[in-house]
C-alpha atoms as a PDB file:
ATOM      1  CA  UNK A   1     111.899 194.819  63.117  1.00  0.00           C
ATOM      2  CA  UNK A   2     108.224 194.117  62.529  1.00  0.00           C
ATOM      3  CA  UNK A   3     105.877 195.244  65.251  1.00  0.00           C
ATOM      4  CA  UNK A   4     103.972 192.535  67.111  1.00  0.00           C
ATOM      5  CA  UNK A   5     100.309 192.982  67.850  1.00  0.00           C
ATOM      6  CA  UNK A   6      99.647 194.056  71.416  1.00  0.00           C
ATOM      7  CA  UNK A   7      99.283 190.616  72.938  1.00  0.00           C
ATOM      8  CA  UNK A   8     101.112 189.279  75.995  1.00  0.00           C
ATOM      9  CA  UNK A   9     100.169 185.631  75.465  1.00  0.00           C
ATOM     10  CA  UNK A  10     103.561 184.282  74.416  1.00  0.00           C
ATOM     11  CA  UNK A  11     103.701 180.553  73.822  1.00  0.00           C
ATOM     12  CA  UNK A  12     107.317 179.705  74.659  1.00  0.00           C
ATOM     13  CA  UNK A  13     108.002 182.447  77.219  1.00  0.00           C
ATOM     14  CA  UNK A  14     106.327 182.786  80.575  1.00  0.00           C
ATOM     15  CA  UNK A  15     106.718 185.148  83.507  1.00  0.00           C
ATOM     16  CA  UNK A  16     106.150 183.831  87.031  1.00  0.00           C
ATOM     17  CA  UNK A  17     105.808 185.970  90.144  1.00  0.00           C
ATOM     18  CA  UNK A  18     106.469 189.687  90.215  1.00  0.00           C
ATOM     19  CA  UNK A  19     109.904 189.648  88.592  1.00  0.00           C
ATOM     20  CA  UNK A  20     108.604 191.745  85.653  1.00  0.00           C
ATOM     21  CA  UNK A  21     105.070 192.647  84.616  1.00  0.00           C
ATOM     22  CA  UNK A  22     104.119 190.335  81.713  1.00  0.00           C
ATOM     23  CA  UNK A  23     103.001 193.343  79.685  1.00  0.00           C
ATOM     24  CA  UNK A  24     106.525 194.740  79.805  1.00  0.00           C
ATOM     25  CA  UNK A  25     107.799 191.748  77.856  1.00  0.00           C
ATOM     26  CA  UNK A  26     105.511 192.798  75.044  1.00  0.00           C
ATOM     27  CA  UNK A  27     107.008 196.280  75.129  1.00  0.00           C
ATOM     28  CA  UNK A  28     110.521 194.826  74.883  1.00  0.00           C
ATOM     29  CA  UNK A  29     109.469 192.602  71.973  1.00  0.00           C
ATOM     30  CA  UNK A  30     108.125 195.669  70.169  1.00  0.00           C
ATOM     31  CA  UNK A  31     111.358 197.600  70.828  1.00  0.00           C
ATOM     32  CA  UNK A  32     109.278 199.969  72.907  1.00  0.00           C
ATOM     33  CA  UNK A  33     111.497 200.000  76.000  1.00  0.00           C
ATOM     34  CA  UNK A  34     114.530 202.165  76.686  1.00  0.00           C
ATOM     35  CA  UNK A  35     118.072 201.071  75.763  1.00  0.00           C
ATOM     36  CA  UNK A  36     117.052 199.089  72.689  1.00  0.00           C
ATOM     37  CA  UNK A  37     119.126 200.650  69.938  1.00  0.00           C
ATOM     38  CA  UNK A  38     121.691 198.469  68.189  1.00  0.00           C
ATOM     39  CA  UNK A  39     124.696 199.808  70.169  1.00  0.00           C
ATOM     40  CA  UNK A  40     122.804 199.078  73.400  1.00  0.00           C
ATOM     41  CA  UNK A  41     123.021 195.410  72.353  1.00  0.00           C
ATOM     42  CA  UNK A  42     126.771 195.664  71.620  1.00  0.00           C
ATOM     43  CA  UNK A  43     126.194 196.032  67.876  1.00  0.00           C
ATOM     44  CA  UNK A  44     128.129 198.525  65.788  1.00  0.00           C
ATOM     45  CA  UNK A  45     126.140 201.330  64.232  1.00  0.00           C
ATOM     46  CA  UNK A  46     126.555 199.835  60.765  1.00  0.00           C
ATOM     47  CA  UNK A  47     124.679 196.678  61.789  1.00  0.00           C
ATOM     48  CA  UNK A  48     120.908 196.490  61.629  1.00  0.00           C
ATOM     49  CA  UNK A  49     119.265 194.993  64.722  1.00  0.00           C
ATOM     50  CA  UNK A  50     116.596 193.154  62.730  1.00  0.00           C
ATOM     51  CA  UNK A  51     119.191 191.616  60.424  1.00  0.00           C
ATOM     52  CA  UNK A  52     121.334 190.563  63.368  1.00  0.00           C
ATOM     53  CA  UNK A  53     118.369 188.976  65.122  1.00  0.00           C
ATOM     54  CA  UNK A  54     117.700 186.899  62.003  1.00  0.00           C
ATOM     55  CA  UNK A  55     121.371 185.890  61.885  1.00  0.00           C
ATOM     56  CA  UNK A  56     121.401 184.872  65.542  1.00  0.00           C
ATOM     57  CA  UNK A  57     118.211 182.896  64.961  1.00  0.00           C
ATOM     58  CA  UNK A  58     119.947 180.875  62.257  1.00  0.00           C
ATOM     59  CA  UNK A  59     122.982 180.260  64.475  1.00  0.00           C
ATOM     60  CA  UNK A  60     120.822 179.187  67.426  1.00  0.00           C
ATOM     61  CA  UNK A  61     118.695 176.944  65.236  1.00  0.00           C
ATOM     62  CA  UNK A  62     121.788 175.184  63.864  1.00  0.00           C
ATOM     63  CA  UNK A  63     123.163 174.696  67.372  1.00  0.00           C
ATOM     64  CA  UNK A  64     119.845 173.303  68.546  1.00  0.00           C
ATOM     65  CA  UNK A  65     119.561 170.903  65.597  1.00  0.00           C
ATOM     66  CA  UNK A  66     123.016 169.505  66.345  1.00  0.00           C
ATOM     67  CA  UNK A  67     122.088 169.188  70.017  1.00  0.00           C
ATOM     68  CA  UNK A  68     118.877 167.258  69.261  1.00  0.00           C
ATOM     69  CA  UNK A  69     120.736 164.870  66.965  1.00  0.00           C
ATOM     70  CA  UNK A  70     123.335 164.016  69.620  1.00  0.00           C
ATOM     71  CA  UNK A  71     121.539 164.218  72.976  1.00  0.00           C
ATOM     72  CA  UNK A  72     120.005 160.723  72.756  1.00  0.00           C
ATOM     73  CA  UNK A  73     123.241 158.960  71.908  1.00  0.00           C
ATOM     74  CA  UNK A  74     124.383 156.691  74.723  1.00  0.00           C
ATOM     75  CA  UNK A  75     128.015 156.739  73.590  1.00  0.00           C
ATOM     76  CA  UNK A  76     128.336 160.488  74.218  1.00  0.00           C
ATOM     77  CA  UNK A  77     128.790 162.390  77.482  1.00  0.00           C
ATOM     78  CA  UNK A  78     125.522 164.247  78.277  1.00  0.00           C
ATOM     79  CA  UNK A  79     127.388 167.187  79.804  1.00  0.00           C
ATOM     80  CA  UNK A  80     129.550 167.554  76.730  1.00  0.00           C
ATOM     81  CA  UNK A  81     126.543 167.465  74.392  1.00  0.00           C
ATOM     82  CA  UNK A  82     124.129 169.502  76.504  1.00  0.00           C
ATOM     83  CA  UNK A  83     126.460 172.031  78.106  1.00  0.00           C
ATOM     84  CA  UNK A  84     129.722 172.312  76.133  1.00  0.00           C
ATOM     85  CA  UNK A  85     128.230 171.928  72.658  1.00  0.00           C
ATOM     86  CA  UNK A  86     124.838 173.542  73.175  1.00  0.00           C
ATOM     87  CA  UNK A  87     124.320 175.852  76.159  1.00  0.00           C
ATOM     88  CA  UNK A  88     127.788 177.419  76.238  1.00  0.00           C
ATOM     89  CA  UNK A  89     127.790 178.335  72.499  1.00  0.00           C
ATOM     90  CA  UNK A  90     124.211 179.580  72.769  1.00  0.00           C
ATOM     91  CA  UNK A  91     125.172 181.920  75.585  1.00  0.00           C
ATOM     92  CA  UNK A  92     128.480 183.024  74.086  1.00  0.00           C
ATOM     93  CA  UNK A  93     127.767 183.209  70.363  1.00  0.00           C
ATOM     94  CA  UNK A  94     124.071 184.105  70.385  1.00  0.00           C
ATOM     95  CA  UNK A  95     123.300 185.891  73.660  1.00  0.00           C
ATOM     96  CA  UNK A  96     126.588 187.759  73.960  1.00  0.00           C
ATOM     97  CA  UNK A  97     128.048 186.251  77.137  1.00  0.00           C
ATOM     98  CA  UNK A  98     131.577 186.404  75.730  1.00  0.00           C
ATOM     99  CA  UNK A  99     133.250 186.330  79.150  1.00  0.00           C
ATOM    100  CA  UNK A 100     131.379 183.210  80.307  1.00  0.00           C
ATOM    101  CA  UNK A 101     133.727 181.012  82.362  1.00  0.00           C
ATOM    102  CA  UNK A 102     133.322 177.756  84.220  1.00  0.00           C
ATOM    103  CA  UNK A 103     133.140 177.990  87.969  1.00  0.00           C
ATOM    104  CA  UNK A 104     133.507 175.846  91.021  1.00  0.00           C
ATOM    105  CA  UNK A 105     131.142 176.028  93.999  1.00  0.00           C
ATOM    106  CA  UNK A 106     130.647 179.412  95.658  1.00  0.00           C
ATOM    107  CA  UNK A 107     130.878 179.395  99.460  1.00  0.00           C
ATOM    108  CA  UNK A 108     129.017 182.118 101.371  1.00  0.00           C
ATOM    109  CA  UNK A 109     128.584 182.077 105.129  1.00  0.00           C
ATOM    110  CA  UNK A 110     129.839 178.519 105.313  1.00  0.00           C
ATOM    111  CA  UNK A 111     127.277 177.259 102.809  1.00  0.00           C
ATOM    112  CA  UNK A 112     128.224 175.852  99.425  1.00  0.00           C
ATOM    113  CA  UNK A 113     126.445 176.666  96.175  1.00  0.00           C
ATOM    114  CA  UNK A 114     127.672 174.345  93.385  1.00  0.00           C
ATOM    115  CA  UNK A 115     127.031 176.465  90.299  1.00  0.00           C
ATOM    116  CA  UNK A 116     128.738 175.703  86.995  1.00  0.00           C
ATOM    117  CA  UNK A 117     129.549 179.066  85.350  1.00  0.00           C
ATOM    118  CA  UNK A 118     129.920 182.784  85.980  1.00  0.00           C
ATOM    119  CA  UNK A 119     129.819 185.934  83.854  1.00  0.00           C
ATOM    120  CA  UNK A 120     130.866 189.526  84.457  1.00  0.00           C
ATOM    121  CA  UNK A 121     133.456 188.621  87.107  1.00  0.00           C
ATOM    122  CA  UNK A 122     130.934 186.670  89.151  1.00  0.00           C
ATOM    123  CA  UNK A 123     128.141 189.273  89.088  1.00  0.00           C
ATOM    124  CA  UNK A 124     125.959 186.863  87.087  1.00  0.00           C
ATOM    125  CA  UNK A 125     126.110 183.233  88.289  1.00  0.00           C
ATOM    126  CA  UNK A 126     124.858 180.479  85.987  1.00  0.00           C
ATOM    127  CA  UNK A 127     123.901 176.875  86.543  1.00  0.00           C
ATOM    128  CA  UNK A 128     123.978 174.930  83.291  1.00  0.00           C
ATOM    129  CA  UNK A 129     122.984 171.301  83.589  1.00  0.00           C
ATOM    130  CA  UNK A 130     121.625 168.539  81.375  1.00  0.00           C
ATOM    131  CA  UNK A 131     118.227 167.384  80.211  1.00  0.00           C
ATOM    132  CA  UNK A 132     117.964 164.653  82.851  1.00  0.00           C
ATOM    133  CA  UNK A 133     117.772 167.313  85.592  1.00  0.00           C
ATOM    134  CA  UNK A 134     114.382 168.997  85.911  1.00  0.00           C
ATOM    135  CA  UNK A 135     114.822 172.598  87.051  1.00  0.00           C
ATOM    136  CA  UNK A 136     112.330 172.112  89.887  1.00  0.00           C
ATOM    137  CA  UNK A 137     113.282 168.602  91.015  1.00  0.00           C
ATOM    138  CA  UNK A 138     115.594 168.262  94.015  1.00  0.00           C
ATOM    139  CA  UNK A 139     118.796 166.330  93.403  1.00  0.00           C
ATOM    140  CA  UNK A 140     121.825 165.435  95.503  1.00  0.00           C
ATOM    141  CA  UNK A 141     124.138 166.977  92.925  1.00  0.00           C
ATOM    142  CA  UNK A 142     122.865 170.490  93.667  1.00  0.00           C
ATOM    143  CA  UNK A 143     122.697 170.134  97.453  1.00  0.00           C
ATOM    144  CA  UNK A 144     125.218 170.165 100.280  1.00  0.00           C
ATOM    145  CA  UNK A 145     125.974 167.934 103.270  1.00  0.00           C
ATOM    146  CA  UNK A 146     123.330 165.406 102.306  1.00  0.00           C
ATOM    147  CA  UNK A 147     120.695 168.032 101.540  1.00  0.00           C
ATOM    148  CA  UNK A 148     119.036 167.859  98.132  1.00  0.00           C
ATOM    149  CA  UNK A 149     118.225 170.970  96.112  1.00  0.00           C
ATOM    150  CA  UNK A 150     116.610 171.655  92.767  1.00  0.00           C
ATOM    151  CA  UNK A 151     118.620 173.698  90.234  1.00  0.00           C
ATOM    152  CA  UNK A 152     116.121 176.536  90.521  1.00  0.00           C
ATOM    153  CA  UNK A 153     116.223 176.431  94.323  1.00  0.00           C
ATOM    154  CA  UNK A 154     120.010 176.393  94.354  1.00  0.00           C
ATOM    155  CA  UNK A 155     120.234 179.497  92.163  1.00  0.00           C
ATOM    156  CA  UNK A 156     117.563 181.318  94.153  1.00  0.00           C
ATOM    157  CA  UNK A 157     119.288 180.614  97.451  1.00  0.00           C
ATOM    158  CA  UNK A 158     122.610 181.792  96.028  1.00  0.00           C
ATOM    159  CA  UNK A 159     121.156 185.052  94.708  1.00  0.00           C
ATOM    160  CA  UNK A 160     119.488 185.719  98.053  1.00  0.00           C
ATOM    161  CA  UNK A 161     122.766 185.129  99.902  1.00  0.00           C
ATOM    162  CA  UNK A 162     125.161 186.834  97.493  1.00  0.00           C
ATOM    163  CA  UNK A 163     125.439 190.623  97.823  1.00  0.00           C
ATOM    164  CA  UNK A 164     127.489 190.794  94.614  1.00  0.00           C
ATOM    165  CA  UNK A 165     124.791 189.340  92.326  1.00  0.00           C
ATOM    166  CA  UNK A 166     121.177 190.265  91.616  1.00  0.00           C
ATOM    167  CA  UNK A 167     120.366 188.118  88.568  1.00  0.00           C
ATOM    168  CA  UNK A 168     121.265 184.559  87.624  1.00  0.00           C
ATOM    169  CA  UNK A 169     120.608 182.006  84.907  1.00  0.00           C
ATOM    170  CA  UNK A 170     119.649 178.346  85.265  1.00  0.00           C
ATOM    171  CA  UNK A 171     119.163 176.031  82.281  1.00  0.00           C
ATOM    172  CA  UNK A 172     118.971 172.342  81.410  1.00  0.00           C
ATOM    173  CA  UNK A 173     119.121 172.435  77.621  1.00  0.00           C
ATOM    174  CA  UNK A 174     115.385 172.701  76.968  1.00  0.00           C
ATOM    175  CA  UNK A 175     114.447 175.402  79.495  1.00  0.00           C
ATOM    176  CA  UNK A 176     116.270 178.613  80.413  1.00  0.00           C
ATOM    177  CA  UNK A 177     115.255 180.738  83.375  1.00  0.00           C
ATOM    178  CA  UNK A 178     116.250 184.220  84.468  1.00  0.00           C
ATOM    179  CA  UNK A 179     116.035 184.606  88.237  1.00  0.00           C
ATOM    180  CA  UNK A 180     116.504 187.590  90.509  1.00  0.00           C
ATOM    181  CA  UNK A 181     117.271 188.052  94.192  1.00  0.00           C
ATOM    182  CA  UNK A 182     113.897 187.275  95.754  1.00  0.00           C
ATOM    183  CA  UNK A 183     113.222 187.202  99.515  1.00  0.00           C
ATOM    184  CA  UNK A 184     110.233 184.906  99.039  1.00  0.00           C
ATOM    185  CA  UNK A 185     111.224 181.261  98.654  1.00  0.00           C
ATOM    186  CA  UNK A 186     107.573 180.171  98.708  1.00  0.00           C
ATOM    187  CA  UNK A 187     106.536 182.186  95.646  1.00  0.00           C
ATOM    188  CA  UNK A 188     108.951 181.556  92.762  1.00  0.00           C
ATOM    189  CA  UNK A 189     109.644 184.476  90.437  1.00  0.00           C
ATOM    190  CA  UNK A 190     111.385 184.010  87.114  1.00  0.00           C
ATOM    191  CA  UNK A 191     111.238 184.414  83.343  1.00  0.00           C
ATOM    192  CA  UNK A 192     111.381 181.110  81.464  1.00  0.00           C
ATOM    193  CA  UNK A 193     112.027 180.371  77.815  1.00  0.00           C
ATOM    194  CA  UNK A 194     111.013 176.959  76.491  1.00  0.00           C
ATOM    195  CA  UNK A 195     113.787 176.365  73.954  1.00  0.00           C
ATOM    196  CA  UNK A 196     112.375 172.997  72.913  1.00  0.00           C
ATOM    197  CA  UNK A 197     109.083 174.578  71.911  1.00  0.00           C
ATOM    198  CA  UNK A 198     110.716 177.689  70.477  1.00  0.00           C
ATOM    199  CA  UNK A 199     112.926 175.825  68.008  1.00  0.00           C
ATOM    200  CA  UNK A 200     110.760 172.804  67.242  1.00  0.00           C
ATOM    201  CA  UNK A 201     107.805 175.061  66.378  1.00  0.00           C
ATOM    202  CA  UNK A 202     109.980 177.672  64.621  1.00  0.00           C
ATOM    203  CA  UNK A 203     108.748 180.511  66.846  1.00  0.00           C
ATOM    204  CA  UNK A 204     111.065 183.193  65.531  1.00  0.00           C
ATOM    205  CA  UNK A 205     109.153 186.133  67.054  1.00  0.00           C
ATOM    206  CA  UNK A 206     109.430 184.575  70.506  1.00  0.00           C
ATOM    207  CA  UNK A 207     113.132 183.873  70.019  1.00  0.00           C
ATOM    208  CA  UNK A 208     113.554 187.554  69.146  1.00  0.00           C
ATOM    209  CA  UNK A 209     111.683 188.589  72.300  1.00  0.00           C
ATOM    210  CA  UNK A 210     113.818 186.273  74.420  1.00  0.00           C
ATOM    211  CA  UNK A 211     117.028 187.540  72.803  1.00  0.00           C
ATOM    212  CA  UNK A 212     116.040 191.167  73.379  1.00  0.00           C
ATOM    213  CA  UNK A 213     115.261 190.450  77.030  1.00  0.00           C
ATOM    214  CA  UNK A 214     118.057 188.027  77.991  1.00  0.00           C
ATOM    215  CA  UNK A 215     121.019 189.340  75.991  1.00  0.00           C
ATOM    216  CA  UNK A 216     124.161 189.761  78.070  1.00  0.00           C
ATOM    217  CA  UNK A 217     123.977 193.534  77.670  1.00  0.00           C
ATOM    218  CA  UNK A 218     120.798 193.505  79.765  1.00  0.00           C
ATOM    219  CA  UNK A 219     122.517 191.871  82.777  1.00  0.00           C
ATOM    220  CA  UNK A 220     125.918 193.556  82.536  1.00  0.00           C
ATOM    221  CA  UNK A 221     126.732 195.607  85.662  1.00  0.00           C
ATOM    222  CA  UNK A 222     127.287 199.303  85.061  1.00  0.00           C
ATOM    223  CA  UNK A 223     130.354 200.709  86.823  1.00  0.00           C
ATOM    224  CA  UNK A 224     130.611 197.385  88.623  1.00  0.00           C
ATOM    225  CA  UNK A 225     127.147 197.727  90.153  1.00  0.00           C
ATOM    226  CA  UNK A 226     124.552 195.042  89.273  1.00  0.00           C
ATOM    227  CA  UNK A 227     121.743 197.326  90.429  1.00  0.00           C
ATOM    228  CA  UNK A 228     122.554 199.642  87.508  1.00  0.00           C
ATOM    229  CA  UNK A 229     122.167 196.937  84.850  1.00  0.00           C
ATOM    230  CA  UNK A 230     119.622 197.627  82.124  1.00  0.00           C
ATOM    231  CA  UNK A 231     117.315 194.833  83.257  1.00  0.00           C
ATOM    232  CA  UNK A 232     117.224 196.411  86.737  1.00  0.00           C
ATOM    233  CA  UNK A 233     116.364 199.788  85.234  1.00  0.00           C
ATOM    234  CA  UNK A 234     113.645 198.105  83.199  1.00  0.00           C
ATOM    235  CA  UNK A 235     112.298 196.403  86.286  1.00  0.00           C
ATOM    236  CA  UNK A 236     112.149 199.643  88.272  1.00  0.00           C
ATOM    237  CA  UNK A 237     110.500 201.502  85.398  1.00  0.00           C
ATOM    238  CA  UNK A 238     107.963 198.729  84.797  1.00  0.00           C
ATOM    239  CA  UNK A 239     106.953 198.621  88.446  1.00  0.00           C
ATOM    240  CA  UNK A 240     106.598 202.406  88.591  1.00  0.00           C
ATOM    241  CA  UNK A 241     104.436 202.283  85.474  1.00  0.00           C
ATOM    242  CA  UNK A 242     102.387 199.517  87.049  1.00  0.00           C
ATOM    243  CA  UNK A 243     101.841 201.572  90.196  1.00  0.00           C
ATOM    244  CA  UNK A 244     100.640 204.527  88.134  1.00  0.00           C
ATOM    245  CA  UNK A 245      98.355 202.249  86.122  1.00  0.00           C
ATOM    246  CA  UNK A 246      96.864 200.745  89.286  1.00  0.00           C
ATOM    247  CA  UNK A 247      96.233 204.219  90.679  1.00  0.00           C
ATOM    248  CA  UNK A 248      94.469 205.250  87.472  1.00  0.00           C
ATOM    249  CA  UNK A 249      92.487 202.005  87.538  1.00  0.00           C
ATOM    250  CA  UNK A 250      91.428 202.682  91.123  1.00  0.00           C
ATOM    251  CA  UNK A 251      90.213 206.150  90.151  1.00  0.00           C
ATOM    252  CA  UNK A 252      88.419 204.726  87.113  1.00  0.00           C
ATOM    253  CA  UNK A 253      86.659 202.047  89.143  1.00  0.00           C
ATOM    254  CA  UNK A 254      85.500 204.637  91.658  1.00  0.00           C
ATOM    255  CA  UNK A 255      84.118 206.866  88.933  1.00  0.00           C
ATOM    256  CA  UNK A 256      82.440 203.924  87.160  1.00  0.00           C
ATOM    257  CA  UNK A 257      80.697 202.843  90.374  1.00  0.00           C
ATOM    258  CA  UNK A 258      79.458 206.406  90.953  1.00  0.00           C
ATOM    259  CA  UNK A 259      78.148 206.833  87.419  1.00  0.00           C
ATOM    260  CA  UNK A 260      76.549 203.376  87.172  1.00  0.00           C
ATOM    261  CA  UNK A 261      75.045 203.576  90.658  1.00  0.00           C
ATOM    262  CA  UNK A 262      73.443 206.972  90.103  1.00  0.00           C
ATOM    263  CA  UNK A 263      72.418 206.048  86.568  1.00  0.00           C
ATOM    264  CA  UNK A 264      70.585 202.897  87.627  1.00  0.00           C
ATOM    265  CA  UNK A 265      68.767 204.801  90.363  1.00  0.00           C
ATOM    266  CA  UNK A 266      67.752 207.611  87.999  1.00  0.00           C
ATOM    267  CA  UNK A 267      66.396 205.321  85.285  1.00  0.00           C
ATOM    268  CA  UNK A 268      62.608 205.496  85.196  1.00  0.00           C
ATOM    269  CA  UNK A 269      62.168 201.711  84.881  1.00  0.00           C
ATOM    270  CA  UNK A 270      64.145 200.950  88.050  1.00  0.00           C
ATOM    271  CA  UNK A 271      61.373 201.695  90.536  1.00  0.00           C
ATOM    272  CA  UNK A 272      61.937 198.294  92.160  1.00  0.00           C
ATOM    273  CA  UNK A 273      65.569 199.130  92.859  1.00  0.00           C
ATOM    274  CA  UNK A 274      64.697 202.477  94.430  1.00  0.00           C
ATOM    275  CA  UNK A 275      62.024 200.914  96.666  1.00  0.00           C
ATOM    276  CA  UNK A 276      64.362 198.092  97.729  1.00  0.00           C
ATOM    277  CA  UNK A 277      66.879 200.665  98.927  1.00  0.00           C
ATOM    278  CA  UNK A 278      64.216 202.799 100.626  1.00  0.00           C
ATOM    279  CA  UNK A 279      62.747 199.798 102.521  1.00  0.00           C
ATOM    280  CA  UNK A 280      66.162 198.444 103.498  1.00  0.00           C
ATOM    281  CA  UNK A 281      65.621 195.257 101.499  1.00  0.00           C
ATOM    282  CA  UNK A 282      68.909 196.140  99.747  1.00  0.00           C
ATOM    283  CA  UNK A 283      71.512 197.857 101.907  1.00  0.00           C
ATOM    284  CA  UNK A 284      73.859 200.565 100.694  1.00  0.00           C
ATOM    285  CA  UNK A 285      76.757 198.143 101.156  1.00  0.00           C
ATOM    286  CA  UNK A 286      74.945 195.434  99.222  1.00  0.00           C
ATOM    287  CA  UNK A 287      74.252 197.840  96.354  1.00  0.00           C
ATOM    288  CA  UNK A 288      77.894 198.924  96.335  1.00  0.00           C
ATOM    289  CA  UNK A 289      79.061 195.282  96.198  1.00  0.00           C
ATOM    290  CA  UNK A 290      76.781 194.549  93.251  1.00  0.00           C
ATOM    291  CA  UNK A 291      78.126 197.599  91.409  1.00  0.00           C
ATOM    292  CA  UNK A 292      81.706 196.604  92.180  1.00  0.00           C
ATOM    293  CA  UNK A 293      81.074 193.067  90.906  1.00  0.00           C
ATOM    294  CA  UNK A 294      79.624 194.485  87.687  1.00  0.00           C
ATOM    295  CA  UNK A 295      82.622 196.777  87.134  1.00  0.00           C
ATOM    296  CA  UNK A 296      85.098 193.926  87.699  1.00  0.00           C
ATOM    297  CA  UNK A 297      83.207 191.739  85.234  1.00  0.00           C
ATOM    298  CA  UNK A 298      83.413 194.503  82.654  1.00  0.00           C
ATOM    299  CA  UNK A 299      87.151 194.893  83.290  1.00  0.00           C
ATOM    300  CA  UNK A 300      87.623 191.162  82.804  1.00  0.00           C
ATOM    301  CA  UNK A 301      85.799 191.266  79.473  1.00  0.00           C
ATOM    302  CA  UNK A 302      87.683 194.359  78.302  1.00  0.00           C
ATOM    303  CA  UNK A 303      91.019 192.734  79.164  1.00  0.00           C
ATOM    304  CA  UNK A 304      90.115 189.529  77.336  1.00  0.00           C
ATOM    305  CA  UNK A 305      89.019 191.541  74.313  1.00  0.00           C
ATOM    306  CA  UNK A 306      92.207 193.651  74.329  1.00  0.00           C
ATOM    307  CA  UNK A 307      94.382 190.510  74.355  1.00  0.00           C
ATOM    308  CA  UNK A 308      92.299 188.764  71.695  1.00  0.00           C
ATOM    309  CA  UNK A 309      91.617 185.857  74.052  1.00  0.00           C
END
């Protein structure tokens, strides 16, 4: 598979909240993460991952084209067109959710969660709905006892209440989101793929990244334990890497402030700076804040340059 340039600015995929560092998605797209050999994606050793990705792209594109042709027809059932003929085949035939089954509402602690499907014996709940339901708009259909809920909110509440599931999927035909158990209901965290944009703009590289990240093999529990799924291992590794990177950044900022601060003071043309500090016109704290502001501005520019923004 061709390597992508080191750029995290995907067009049809976005990461919200702290569910995964955005940079890690780039690593997955470049096949730079662990557990990314063909057999890790349920492929036999004789199959080439790049060739299979191209094949799945063609299958998904054909499914999407059929969906677009039929979704506006008033004589057809929206659920049949959007869920049975589009989302279910996409999940089963393209993303590997071969054991996907339809489900009735899940009741936990006396509360009802009307999801539509389950995978891996209920360890991965899914809510597949139609285009007329925005993932963030509350609707009576997804609520209980007169309470309205948005599809996203319903799935998040279920994951937070269900000890048997860590990750879930919610989709409406044009958008697919991966959600995880998240104690914060005020700060949404998810990974979203814009299927409409992906297929209409022929964004094959982004489809490949989404496939590599959201394939069923990533969410499959290991030994019946969702916390051992590959995506959970990725998440733990990415956060540990992020912690190490932040620690190195902290050390680098400290060293940069020391070197810049002493360098400015030592420069022969900075007599005004030295006198301002001696007279108290510029305090030590004020000088430190100016140095810190300069270092952060440099970091901003370096980051923009690295990402070709």
